[in-house]
PDB file of N, CA and C in Angstrom:
ATOM      1  N   MET A   1       4.178-124.037 144.636  1.00  0.00           N
ATOM      2  CA  MET A   1       4.237-125.188 143.570  1.00  0.00           C
ATOM      3  C   MET A   1       6.023-125.299 143.743  1.00  0.00           C
ATOM      4  N   ASP A   2       6.734-124.574 144.301  1.00  0.00           N
ATOM      5  CA  ASP A   2       7.944-124.889 144.305  1.00  0.00           C
ATOM      6  C   ASP A   2       8.529-126.122 145.089  1.00  0.00           C
ATOM      7  N   GLU A   3       7.796-126.194 146.256  1.00  0.00           N
ATOM      8  CA  GLU A   3       7.769-127.411 147.050  1.00  0.00           C
ATOM      9  C   GLU A   3       7.360-128.882 146.392  1.00  0.00           C
ATOM     10  N   VAL A   4       6.548-128.476 145.613  1.00  0.00           N
ATOM     11  CA  VAL A   4       6.166-129.652 144.634  1.00  0.00           C
ATOM     12  C   VAL A   4       7.145-130.301 143.811  1.00  0.00           C
ATOM     13  N   PHE A   5       7.561-129.305 142.875  1.00  0.00           N
ATOM     14  CA  PHE A   5       8.604-129.488 141.773  1.00  0.00           C
ATOM     15  C   PHE A   5       9.874-130.100 142.429  1.00  0.00           C
ATOM     16  N   LYS A   6      10.306-129.527 143.719  1.00  0.00           N
ATOM     17  CA  LYS A   6      11.389-130.008 144.649  1.00  0.00           C
ATOM     18  C   LYS A   6      11.028-131.477 144.826  1.00  0.00           C
ATOM     19  N   ALA A   7       9.891-131.713 145.399  1.00  0.00           N
ATOM     20  CA  ALA A   7       9.673-132.988 145.931  1.00  0.00           C
ATOM     21  C   ALA A   7       9.626-134.115 144.642  1.00  0.00           C
ATOM     22  N   LEU A   8       9.118-133.749 143.556  1.00  0.00           N
ATOM     23  CA  LEU A   8       9.020-134.579 142.439  1.00  0.00           C
ATOM     24  C   LEU A   8      10.337-134.605 141.638  1.00  0.00           C
ATOM     25  N   ALA A   9      11.527-133.921 142.166  1.00  0.00           N
ATOM     26  CA  ALA A   9      12.588-133.868 141.580  1.00  0.00           C
ATOM     27  C   ALA A   9      13.693-135.134 141.665  1.00  0.00           C
ATOM     28  N   ASP A  10      13.063-135.783 142.837  1.00  0.00           N
ATOM     29  CA  ASP A  10      13.953-136.828 143.411  1.00  0.00           C
ATOM     30  C   ASP A  10      13.333-138.216 142.947  1.00  0.00           C
ATOM     31  N   GLU A  11      14.433-139.114 142.709  1.00  0.00           N
ATOM     32  CA  GLU A  11      13.901-140.464 142.088  1.00  0.00           C
ATOM     33  C   GLU A  11      13.040-141.076 143.141  1.00  0.00           C
ATOM     34  N   GLY A  12      13.988-141.192 144.477  1.00  0.00           N
ATOM     35  CA  GLY A  12      13.309-141.779 145.610  1.00  0.00           C
ATOM     36  C   GLY A  12      12.078-141.317 145.859  1.00  0.00           C
ATOM     37  N   ARG A  13      11.916-140.194 145.882  1.00  0.00           N
ATOM     38  CA  ARG A  13      10.453-139.801 146.370  1.00  0.00           C
ATOM     39  C   ARG A  13       9.435-139.962 145.439  1.00  0.00           C
ATOM     40  N   ARG A  14       9.769-140.011 144.028  1.00  0.00           N
ATOM     41  CA  ARG A  14       8.825-140.638 142.906  1.00  0.00           C
ATOM     42  C   ARG A  14       8.337-142.025 143.166  1.00  0.00           C
ATOM     43  N   ALA A  15       9.424-142.472 143.514  1.00  0.00           N
ATOM     44  CA  ALA A  15       9.356-144.352 143.682  1.00  0.00           C
ATOM     45  C   ALA A  15       8.166-144.248 145.010  1.00  0.00           C
ATOM     46  N   LEU A  16       8.500-143.453 146.123  1.00  0.00           N
ATOM     47  CA  LEU A  16       7.426-143.725 147.092  1.00  0.00           C
ATOM     48  C   LEU A  16       6.143-143.420 146.533  1.00  0.00           C
ATOM     49  N   LEU A  17       5.854-142.182 145.826  1.00  0.00           N
ATOM     50  CA  LEU A  17       4.571-141.635 145.255  1.00  0.00           C
ATOM     51  C   LEU A  17       3.881-142.952 144.423  1.00  0.00           C
ATOM     52  N   ASP A  18       4.581-143.467 143.508  1.00  0.00           N
ATOM     53  CA  ASP A  18       4.621-144.526 143.139  1.00  0.00           C
ATOM     54  C   ASP A  18       3.682-145.529 143.760  1.00  0.00           C
ATOM     55  N   ALA A  19       4.506-146.084 144.731  1.00  0.00           N
ATOM     56  CA  ALA A  19       4.102-147.193 145.786  1.00  0.00           C
ATOM     57  C   ALA A  19       2.882-146.701 146.338  1.00  0.00           C
ATOM     58  N   LEU A  20       2.543-145.576 146.555  1.00  0.00           N
ATOM     59  CA  LEU A  20       1.199-145.167 147.080  1.00  0.00           C
ATOM     60  C   LEU A  20       0.359-144.968 146.177  1.00  0.00           C
ATOM     61  N   ARG A  21       0.609-144.680 144.914  1.00  0.00           N
ATOM     62  CA  ARG A  21      -0.560-144.736 143.847  1.00  0.00           C
ATOM     63  C   ARG A  21      -0.822-146.114 143.700  1.00  0.00           C
ATOM     64  N   SER A  22       0.090-147.172 143.731  1.00  0.00           N
ATOM     65  CA  SER A  22      -0.279-148.508 143.503  1.00  0.00           C
ATOM     66  C   SER A  22      -1.206-149.127 144.793  1.00  0.00           C
ATOM     67  N   ARG A  23      -0.912-148.666 146.235  1.00  0.00           N
ATOM     68  CA  ARG A  23      -1.674-149.110 147.002  1.00  0.00           C
ATOM     69  C   ARG A  23      -1.408-148.066 148.120  1.00  0.00           C
ATOM     70  N   ASP A  24      -2.603-147.345 148.482  1.00  0.00           N
ATOM     71  CA  ASP A  24      -2.500-146.204 149.433  1.00  0.00           C
ATOM     72  C   ASP A  24      -2.571-146.628 150.862  1.00  0.00           C
ATOM     73  N   GLY A  25      -2.213-146.023 151.851  1.00  0.00           N
ATOM     74  CA  GLY A  25      -2.338-146.185 153.064  1.00  0.00           C
ATOM     75  C   GLY A  25      -1.349-147.003 153.599  1.00  0.00           C
ATOM     76  N   GLN A  26      -0.081-146.952 153.282  1.00  0.00           N
ATOM     77  CA  GLN A  26       1.121-147.788 153.678  1.00  0.00           C
ATOM     78  C   GLN A  26       1.853-147.202 154.851  1.00  0.00           C
ATOM     79  N   THR A  27       2.271-147.826 155.568  1.00  0.00           N
ATOM     80  CA  THR A  27       3.155-147.717 156.848  1.00  0.00           C
ATOM     81  C   THR A  27       4.640-147.227 156.483  1.00  0.00           C
ATOM     82  N   LEU A  28       5.221-146.772 157.288  1.00  0.00           N
ATOM     83  CA  LEU A  28       6.582-146.492 157.047  1.00  0.00           C
ATOM     84  C   LEU A  28       7.463-147.696 156.735  1.00  0.00           C
ATOM     85  N   ASN A  29       7.257-148.855 157.611  1.00  0.00           N
ATOM     86  CA  ASN A  29       7.823-150.087 157.293  1.00  0.00           C
ATOM     87  C   ASN A  29       7.695-150.495 155.785  1.00  0.00           C
ATOM     88  N   GLU A  30       6.466-150.599 155.464  1.00  0.00           N
ATOM     89  CA  GLU A  30       6.262-150.857 153.885  1.00  0.00           C
ATOM     90  C   GLU A  30       6.851-149.939 152.893  1.00  0.00           C
ATOM     91  N   LEU A  31       6.856-148.838 153.193  1.00  0.00           N
ATOM     92  CA  LEU A  31       7.462-147.898 152.403  1.00  0.00           C
ATOM     93  C   LEU A  31       8.887-147.827 152.491  1.00  0.00           C
ATOM     94  N   CYS A  32       9.694-148.269 153.550  1.00  0.00           N
ATOM     95  CA  CYS A  32      10.960-148.738 153.566  1.00  0.00           C
ATOM     96  C   CYS A  32      11.382-149.606 152.558  1.00  0.00           C
ATOM     97  N   GLU A  33      10.223-150.562 152.359  1.00  0.00           N
ATOM     98  CA  GLU A  33      10.879-151.905 151.269  1.00  0.00           C
ATOM     99  C   GLU A  33      10.934-151.112 150.085  1.00  0.00           C
ATOM    100  N   VAL A  34      10.070-149.906 149.450  1.00  0.00           N
ATOM    101  CA  VAL A  34      10.354-149.262 148.333  1.00  0.00           C
ATOM    102  C   VAL A  34      11.669-148.909 147.753  1.00  0.00           C
ATOM    103  N   LEU A  35      12.558-148.592 148.983  1.00  0.00           N
ATOM    104  CA  LEU A  35      13.868-147.938 148.861  1.00  0.00           C
ATOM    105  C   LEU A  35      14.516-148.981 149.759  1.00  0.00           C
ATOM    106  N   PRO A  36      14.906-150.142 149.289  1.00  0.00           N
ATOM    107  CA  PRO A  36      15.785-150.815 150.366  1.00  0.00           C
ATOM    108  C   PRO A  36      17.056-150.463 150.617  1.00  0.00           C
ATOM    109  N   ASP A  37      17.733-149.612 149.848  1.00  0.00           N
ATOM    110  CA  ASP A  37      19.108-149.149 150.060  1.00  0.00           C
ATOM    111  C   ASP A  37      19.290-148.058 150.987  1.00  0.00           C
ATOM    112  N   MET A  38      18.030-147.394 151.279  1.00  0.00           N
ATOM    113  CA  MET A  38      18.103-146.205 152.120  1.00  0.00           C
ATOM    114  C   MET A  38      17.879-146.735 153.680  1.00  0.00           C
ATOM    115  N   THR A  39      18.140-146.105 154.590  1.00  0.00           N
ATOM    116  CA  THR A  39      17.901-146.376 155.867  1.00  0.00           C
ATOM    117  C   THR A  39      16.406-145.680 156.136  1.00  0.00           C
ATOM    118  N   ARG A  40      16.088-146.230 157.354  1.00  0.00           N
ATOM    119  CA  ARG A  40      14.740-145.918 157.626  1.00  0.00           C
ATOM    120  C   ARG A  40      14.671-144.195 157.929  1.00  0.00           C
ATOM    121  N   PHE A  41      15.845-143.550 158.529  1.00  0.00           N
ATOM    122  CA  PHE A  41      15.659-142.191 158.574  1.00  0.00           C
ATOM    123  C   PHE A  41      15.676-141.738 157.097  1.00  0.00           C
ATOM    124  N   GLY A  42      16.438-142.066 156.286  1.00  0.00           N
ATOM    125  CA  GLY A  42      16.475-141.525 154.970  1.00  0.00           C
ATOM    126  C   GLY A  42      14.904-141.470 154.251  1.00  0.00           C
ATOM    127  N   VAL A  43      14.247-142.488 154.785  1.00  0.00           N
ATOM    128  CA  VAL A  43      12.964-142.811 154.072  1.00  0.00           C
ATOM    129  C   VAL A  43      11.885-141.719 154.794  1.00  0.00           C
ATOM    130  N   MET A  44      12.066-141.479 155.967  1.00  0.00           N
ATOM    131  CA  MET A  44      11.416-140.560 156.751  1.00  0.00           C
ATOM    132  C   MET A  44      11.579-139.180 156.111  1.00  0.00           C
ATOM    133  N   LYS A  45      12.951-138.935 155.946  1.00  0.00           N
ATOM    134  CA  LYS A  45      13.044-137.546 155.415  1.00  0.00           C
ATOM    135  C   LYS A  45      12.341-137.167 154.095  1.00  0.00           C
ATOM    136  N   HIS A  46      12.588-138.415 153.253  1.00  0.00           N
ATOM    137  CA  HIS A  46      11.818-138.105 151.876  1.00  0.00           C
ATOM    138  C   HIS A  46      10.409-137.993 152.009  1.00  0.00           C
ATOM    139  N   LEU A  47       9.639-138.811 153.099  1.00  0.00           N
ATOM    140  CA  LEU A  47       8.043-138.793 153.526  1.00  0.00           C
ATOM    141  C   LEU A  47       7.989-137.241 153.966  1.00  0.00           C
ATOM    142  N   HIS A  48       8.775-136.490 154.686  1.00  0.00           N
ATOM    143  CA  HIS A  48       8.749-135.261 155.224  1.00  0.00           C
ATOM    144  C   HIS A  48       8.775-134.408 154.064  1.00  0.00           C
ATOM    145  N   VAL A  49       9.751-134.573 153.235  1.00  0.00           N
ATOM    146  CA  VAL A  49       9.420-133.391 152.191  1.00  0.00           C
ATOM    147  C   VAL A  49       8.043-133.585 151.039  1.00  0.00           C
ATOM    148  N   LEU A  50       7.770-134.771 151.265  1.00  0.00           N
ATOM    149  CA  LEU A  50       6.707-135.198 150.248  1.00  0.00           C
ATOM    150  C   LEU A  50       5.218-134.631 151.305  1.00  0.00           C
ATOM    151  N   GLU A  51       5.474-134.683 152.322  1.00  0.00           N
ATOM    152  CA  GLU A  51       4.191-134.094 153.209  1.00  0.00           C
ATOM    153  C   GLU A  51       4.306-132.506 152.963  1.00  0.00           C
ATOM    154  N   GLU A  52       5.455-131.868 153.372  1.00  0.00           N
ATOM    155  CA  GLU A  52       5.585-130.443 153.039  1.00  0.00           C
ATOM    156  C   GLU A  52       5.176-129.772 151.812  1.00  0.00           C
ATOM    157  N   ALA A  53       5.259-130.756 150.752  1.00  0.00           N
ATOM    158  CA  ALA A  53       4.787-130.389 149.191  1.00  0.00           C
ATOM    159  C   ALA A  53       3.183-130.939 149.360  1.00  0.00           C
ATOM    160  N   ARG A  54       2.486-131.363 150.277  1.00  0.00           N
ATOM    161  CA  ARG A  54       1.443-131.653 150.263  1.00  0.00           C
ATOM    162  C   ARG A  54       0.904-132.802 149.301  1.00  0.00           C
ATOM    163  N   LEU A  55       1.892-133.812 149.086  1.00  0.00           N
ATOM    164  CA  LEU A  55       1.678-134.812 148.113  1.00  0.00           C
ATOM    165  C   LEU A  55       1.358-135.989 148.971  1.00  0.00           C
ATOM    166  N   VAL A  56       1.870-135.886 150.203  1.00  0.00           N
ATOM    167  CA  VAL A  56       1.387-137.019 150.924  1.00  0.00           C
ATOM    168  C   VAL A  56       0.668-136.504 152.309  1.00  0.00           C
ATOM    169  N   VAL A  57      -0.376-137.329 152.755  1.00  0.00           N
ATOM    170  CA  VAL A  57      -1.104-136.801 154.037  1.00  0.00           C
ATOM    171  C   VAL A  57      -0.923-138.219 154.768  1.00  0.00           C
ATOM    172  N   THR A  58      -0.962-137.893 156.095  1.00  0.00           N
ATOM    173  CA  THR A  58      -0.990-139.250 156.985  1.00  0.00           C
ATOM    174  C   THR A  58      -2.056-139.207 157.918  1.00  0.00           C
ATOM    175  N   GLU A  59      -2.419-140.501 158.552  1.00  0.00           N
ATOM    176  CA  GLU A  59      -3.346-140.706 159.259  1.00  0.00           C
ATOM    177  C   GLU A  59      -2.896-141.531 160.326  1.00  0.00           C
ATOM    178  N   ARG A  60      -3.064-141.335 161.704  1.00  0.00           N
ATOM    179  CA  ARG A  60      -2.886-142.233 162.586  1.00  0.00           C
ATOM    180  C   ARG A  60      -4.006-143.439 162.599  1.00  0.00           C
ATOM    181  N   SER A  61      -3.620-144.634 162.867  1.00  0.00           N
ATOM    182  CA  SER A  61      -4.282-145.679 162.865  1.00  0.00           C
ATOM    183  C   SER A  61      -3.747-146.503 163.983  1.00  0.00           C
ATOM    184  N   GLY A  62      -4.162-146.514 165.439  1.00  0.00           N
ATOM    185  CA  GLY A  62      -3.812-147.142 166.331  1.00  0.00           C
ATOM    186  C   GLY A  62      -2.247-146.758 166.691  1.00  0.00           C
ATOM    187  N   ARG A  63      -1.179-147.701 166.427  1.00  0.00           N
ATOM    188  CA  ARG A  63       0.110-147.538 166.901  1.00  0.00           C
ATOM    189  C   ARG A  63       0.897-147.039 165.493  1.00  0.00           C
ATOM    190  N   SER A  64      -0.011-147.111 164.435  1.00  0.00           N
ATOM    191  CA  SER A  64       0.528-146.984 163.110  1.00  0.00           C
ATOM    192  C   SER A  64       0.355-145.607 162.509  1.00  0.00           C
ATOM    193  N   LYS A  65       1.164-145.061 161.731  1.00  0.00           N
ATOM    194  CA  LYS A  65       1.118-144.026 160.818  1.00  0.00           C
ATOM    195  C   LYS A  65       1.057-144.398 159.546  1.00  0.00           C
ATOM    196  N   LEU A  66      -0.382-144.308 158.906  1.00  0.00           N
ATOM    197  CA  LEU A  66      -0.667-144.582 157.321  1.00  0.00           C
ATOM    198  C   LEU A  66      -0.469-143.397 156.527  1.00  0.00           C
ATOM    199  N   HIS A  67       0.379-143.538 155.328  1.00  0.00           N
ATOM    200  CA  HIS A  67       0.558-142.524 154.407  1.00  0.00           C
ATOM    201  C   HIS A  67      -0.369-142.779 153.160  1.00  0.00           C
ATOM    202  N   TYR A  68      -0.584-141.841 152.613  1.00  0.00           N
ATOM    203  CA  TYR A  68      -1.773-141.497 151.291  1.00  0.00           C
ATOM    204  C   TYR A  68      -1.288-140.568 150.540  1.00  0.00           C
ATOM    205  N   LEU A  69      -1.517-141.041 149.195  1.00  0.00           N
ATOM    206  CA  LEU A  69      -1.140-139.989 147.947  1.00  0.00           C
ATOM    207  C   LEU A  69      -2.322-139.012 148.215  1.00  0.00           C
ATOM    208  N   ASN A  70      -1.698-137.682 147.738  1.00  0.00           N
ATOM    209  CA  ASN A  70      -2.510-136.588 147.553  1.00  0.00           C
ATOM    210  C   ASN A  70      -2.439-136.145 146.189  1.00  0.00           C
ATOM    211  N   PRO A  71      -3.134-136.376 145.231  1.00  0.00           N
ATOM    212  CA  PRO A  71      -2.672-135.904 143.877  1.00  0.00           C
ATOM    213  C   PRO A  71      -3.087-134.626 143.600  1.00  0.00           C
ATOM    214  N   VAL A  72      -4.021-133.975 144.391  1.00  0.00           N
ATOM    215  CA  VAL A  72      -4.230-132.639 144.007  1.00  0.00           C
ATOM    216  C   VAL A  72      -3.172-131.574 143.708  1.00  0.00           C
ATOM    217  N   PRO A  73      -1.980-131.648 144.471  1.00  0.00           N
ATOM    218  CA  PRO A  73      -0.784-130.826 143.794  1.00  0.00           C
ATOM    219  C   PRO A  73      -0.360-131.205 142.249  1.00  0.00           C
ATOM    220  N   ILE A  74      -0.517-132.358 142.000  1.00  0.00           N
ATOM    221  CA  ILE A  74       0.051-132.770 140.839  1.00  0.00           C
ATOM    222  C   ILE A  74      -0.983-132.334 139.854  1.00  0.00           C
ATOM    223  N   ARG A  75      -2.240-132.466 140.101  1.00  0.00           N
ATOM    224  CA  ARG A  75      -3.357-131.805 139.082  1.00  0.00           C
ATOM    225  C   ARG A  75      -2.954-130.358 139.078  1.00  0.00           C
ATOM    226  N   GLU A  76      -3.043-129.854 139.925  1.00  0.00           N
ATOM    227  CA  GLU A  76      -2.892-128.371 139.953  1.00  0.00           C
ATOM    228  C   GLU A  76      -1.556-127.741 138.931  1.00  0.00           C
ATOM    229  N   ILE A  77      -0.551-128.430 139.226  1.00  0.00           N
ATOM    230  CA  ILE A  77       0.578-128.234 138.333  1.00  0.00           C
ATOM    231  C   ILE A  77       0.095-128.699 136.562  1.00  0.00           C
ATOM    232  N   HIS A  78      -0.663-129.834 136.502  1.00  0.00           N
ATOM    233  CA  HIS A  78      -1.059-130.179 135.354  1.00  0.00           C
ATOM    234  C   HIS A  78      -2.058-128.958 134.657  1.00  0.00           C
ATOM    235  N   ASP A  79      -2.796-128.249 135.605  1.00  0.00           N
ATOM    236  CA  ASP A  79      -3.907-127.338 135.279  1.00  0.00           C
ATOM    237  C   ASP A  79      -3.074-126.079 134.720  1.00  0.00           C
ATOM    238  N   ARG A  80      -2.215-125.798 135.561  1.00  0.00           N
ATOM    239  CA  ARG A  80      -1.366-124.536 135.302  1.00  0.00           C
ATOM    240  C   ARG A  80      -0.539-124.731 134.067  1.00  0.00           C
ATOM    241  N   TRP A  81       0.143-125.595 133.840  1.00  0.00           N
ATOM    242  CA  TRP A  81       1.370-125.749 132.625  1.00  0.00           C
ATOM    243  C   TRP A  81       0.876-126.198 131.544  1.00  0.00           C
ATOM    244  N   ILE A  82      -0.201-127.172 131.664  1.00  0.00           N
ATOM    245  CA  ILE A  82      -0.655-127.990 130.403  1.00  0.00           C
ATOM    246  C   ILE A  82      -2.003-127.460 130.076  1.00  0.00           C
ATOM    247  N   SER A  83      -1.892-126.522 129.174  1.00  0.00           N
ATOM    248  CA  SER A  83      -3.153-125.872 128.788  1.00  0.00           C
ATOM    249  C   SER A  83      -4.104-126.858 127.857  1.00  0.00           C
ATOM    250  N   GLN A  84      -5.440-126.451 127.747  1.00  0.00           N
ATOM    251  CA  GLN A  84      -6.167-127.374 126.876  1.00  0.00           C
ATOM    252  C   GLN A  84      -6.064-127.375 125.524  1.00  0.00           C
ATOM    253  N   TYR A  85      -5.276-126.213 125.114  1.00  0.00           N
ATOM    254  CA  TYR A  85      -4.745-126.434 123.662  1.00  0.00           C
ATOM    255  C   TYR A  85      -3.642-127.345 123.283  1.00  0.00           C
ATOM    256  N   ALA A  86      -2.824-127.490 124.463  1.00  0.00           N
ATOM    257  CA  ALA A  86      -1.706-128.267 124.185  1.00  0.00           C
ATOM    258  C   ALA A  86      -1.917-129.681 124.775  1.00  0.00           C
ATOM    259  N   GLU A  87      -3.114-129.958 125.363  1.00  0.00           N
ATOM    260  CA  GLU A  87      -3.338-131.482 125.711  1.00  0.00           C
ATOM    261  C   GLU A  87      -3.405-132.400 124.583  1.00  0.00           C
ATOM    262  N   PRO A  88      -4.232-132.236 123.495  1.00  0.00           N
ATOM    263  CA  PRO A  88      -4.167-133.120 122.522  1.00  0.00           C
ATOM    264  C   PRO A  88      -2.858-133.487 121.803  1.00  0.00           C
ATOM    265  N   PHE A  89      -2.031-132.423 121.582  1.00  0.00           N
ATOM    266  CA  PHE A  89      -0.546-132.353 121.241  1.00  0.00           C
ATOM    267  C   PHE A  89       0.110-133.279 122.161  1.00  0.00           C
ATOM    268  N   VAL A  90       0.189-133.126 123.464  1.00  0.00           N
ATOM    269  CA  VAL A  90       0.925-133.777 124.331  1.00  0.00           C
ATOM    270  C   VAL A  90       0.481-135.475 124.464  1.00  0.00           C
ATOM    271  N   THR A  91      -0.989-135.254 124.466  1.00  0.00           N
ATOM    272  CA  THR A  91      -1.652-136.822 124.481  1.00  0.00           C
ATOM    273  C   THR A  91      -1.006-137.582 123.389  1.00  0.00           C
ATOM    274  N   GLY A  92      -0.776-136.912 122.020  1.00  0.00           N
ATOM    275  CA  GLY A  92      -0.368-137.773 120.919  1.00  0.00           C
ATOM    276  C   GLY A  92       1.121-138.101 121.019  1.00  0.00           C
ATOM    277  N   LEU A  93       1.900-136.883 121.631  1.00  0.00           N
ATOM    278  CA  LEU A  93       3.502-137.364 121.698  1.00  0.00           C
ATOM    279  C   LEU A  93       3.446-138.560 122.735  1.00  0.00           C
ATOM    280  N   LEU A  94       2.715-138.312 124.060  1.00  0.00           N
ATOM    281  CA  LEU A  94       3.087-139.507 124.870  1.00  0.00           C
ATOM    282  C   LEU A  94       2.390-140.971 124.248  1.00  0.00           C
ATOM    283  N   ALA A  95       1.708-140.809 123.432  1.00  0.00           N
ATOM    284  CA  ALA A  95       1.325-142.194 122.830  1.00  0.00           C
ATOM    285  C   ALA A  95       2.401-142.740 121.946  1.00  0.00           C
ATOM    286  N   LEU A  96       3.086-141.762 121.194  1.00  0.00           N
ATOM    287  CA  LEU A  96       4.101-142.130 120.200  1.00  0.00           C
ATOM    288  C   LEU A  96       5.321-142.387 121.192  1.00  0.00           C
ATOM    289  N   ARG A  97       5.496-142.114 122.010  1.00  0.00           N
ATOM    290  CA  ARG A  97       6.582-142.472 123.088  1.00  0.00           C
ATOM    291  C   ARG A  97       6.093-143.974 123.540  1.00  0.00           C
ATOM    292  N   ASP A  98       5.092-144.131 123.963  1.00  0.00           N
ATOM    293  CA  ASP A  98       4.672-145.491 124.608  1.00  0.00           C
ATOM    294  C   ASP A  98       5.007-146.497 123.654  1.00  0.00           C
ATOM    295  N   GLN A  99       4.510-146.252 122.243  1.00  0.00           N
ATOM    296  CA  GLN A  99       4.473-147.288 121.339  1.00  0.00           C
ATOM    297  C   GLN A  99       5.931-147.502 120.904  1.00  0.00           C
ATOM    298  N   ALA A 100       6.632-146.217 120.757  1.00  0.00           N
ATOM    299  CA  ALA A 100       8.103-146.713 120.479  1.00  0.00           C
ATOM    300  C   ALA A 100       8.911-147.421 121.860  1.00  0.00           C
ATOM    301  N   GLU A 101       8.526-147.334 122.948  1.00  0.00           N
ATOM    302  CA  GLU A 101       9.185-148.049 124.074  1.00  0.00           C
ATOM    303  C   GLU A 101       8.545-149.534 123.809  1.00  0.00           C
ATOM    304  N   HIS A 102       7.404-149.662 123.557  1.00  0.00           N
ATOM    305  CA  HIS A 102       6.890-151.042 123.532  1.00  0.00           C
ATOM    306  C   HIS A 102       7.638-151.777 122.273  1.00  0.00           C
ATOM    307  N   ASN A 103       7.795-150.995 121.222  1.00  0.00           N
ATOM    308  CA  ASN A 103       8.346-151.577 119.896  1.00  0.00           C
ATOM    309  C   ASN A 103       9.724-152.090 120.316  1.00  0.00           C
ATOM    310  N   ALA A 104      10.623-151.253 121.190  1.00  0.00           N
ATOM    311  CA  ALA A 104      11.996-151.239 121.547  1.00  0.00           C
ATOM    312  C   ALA A 104      12.048-152.635 122.640  1.00  0.00           C
ATOM    313  N   ARG A 105      11.151-152.814 123.369  1.00  0.00           N
ATOM    314  CA  ARG A 105      10.889-153.857 124.576  1.00  0.00           C
ATOM    315  C   ARG A 105      10.768-155.182 123.651  1.00  0.00           C
ATOM    316  N   THR A 106       9.545-155.318 122.579  1.00  0.00           N
ATOM    317  CA  THR A 106       9.356-156.361 122.339  1.00  0.00           C
ATOM    318  C   THR A 106      10.085-156.672 120.768  1.00  0.00           C
ATOM    319  N   GLY A 107      10.838-155.784 120.455  1.00  0.00           N
ATOM    320  CA  GLY A 107      11.818-156.021 119.111  1.00  0.00           C
ATOM    321  C   GLY A 107      10.781-155.732 117.794  1.00  0.00           C
ATOM    322  N   ALA A 108       9.798-155.176 117.995  1.00  0.00           N
ATOM    323  CA  ALA A 108       8.863-155.140 116.898  1.00  0.00           C
ATOM    324  C   ALA A 108       9.438-153.932 116.256  1.00  0.00           C
TER     325      ALA A 108
END
């Protein structure tokens, strides 16, 4: 699990995971658009960290290499660190946070 926490600690890697969650099966070129201020090599390094943590799996499709989100390690963290007893409490706190953020954005 250390690799997963390390991978999730970086904002750029989280952005890549979010992009794959929105649309799975993206190429390196497509994922480079997610981090436009980063070099292609930098994005490749981030993807390598995500692959090492098993958060991203790849598949060759002709000359392209497609990247897919693997949500299993995140679910394993959820299952280990958030007990069934804490779930209702956490769910309530998240709903409260979301409502406060919504009110802040809309001025309500």
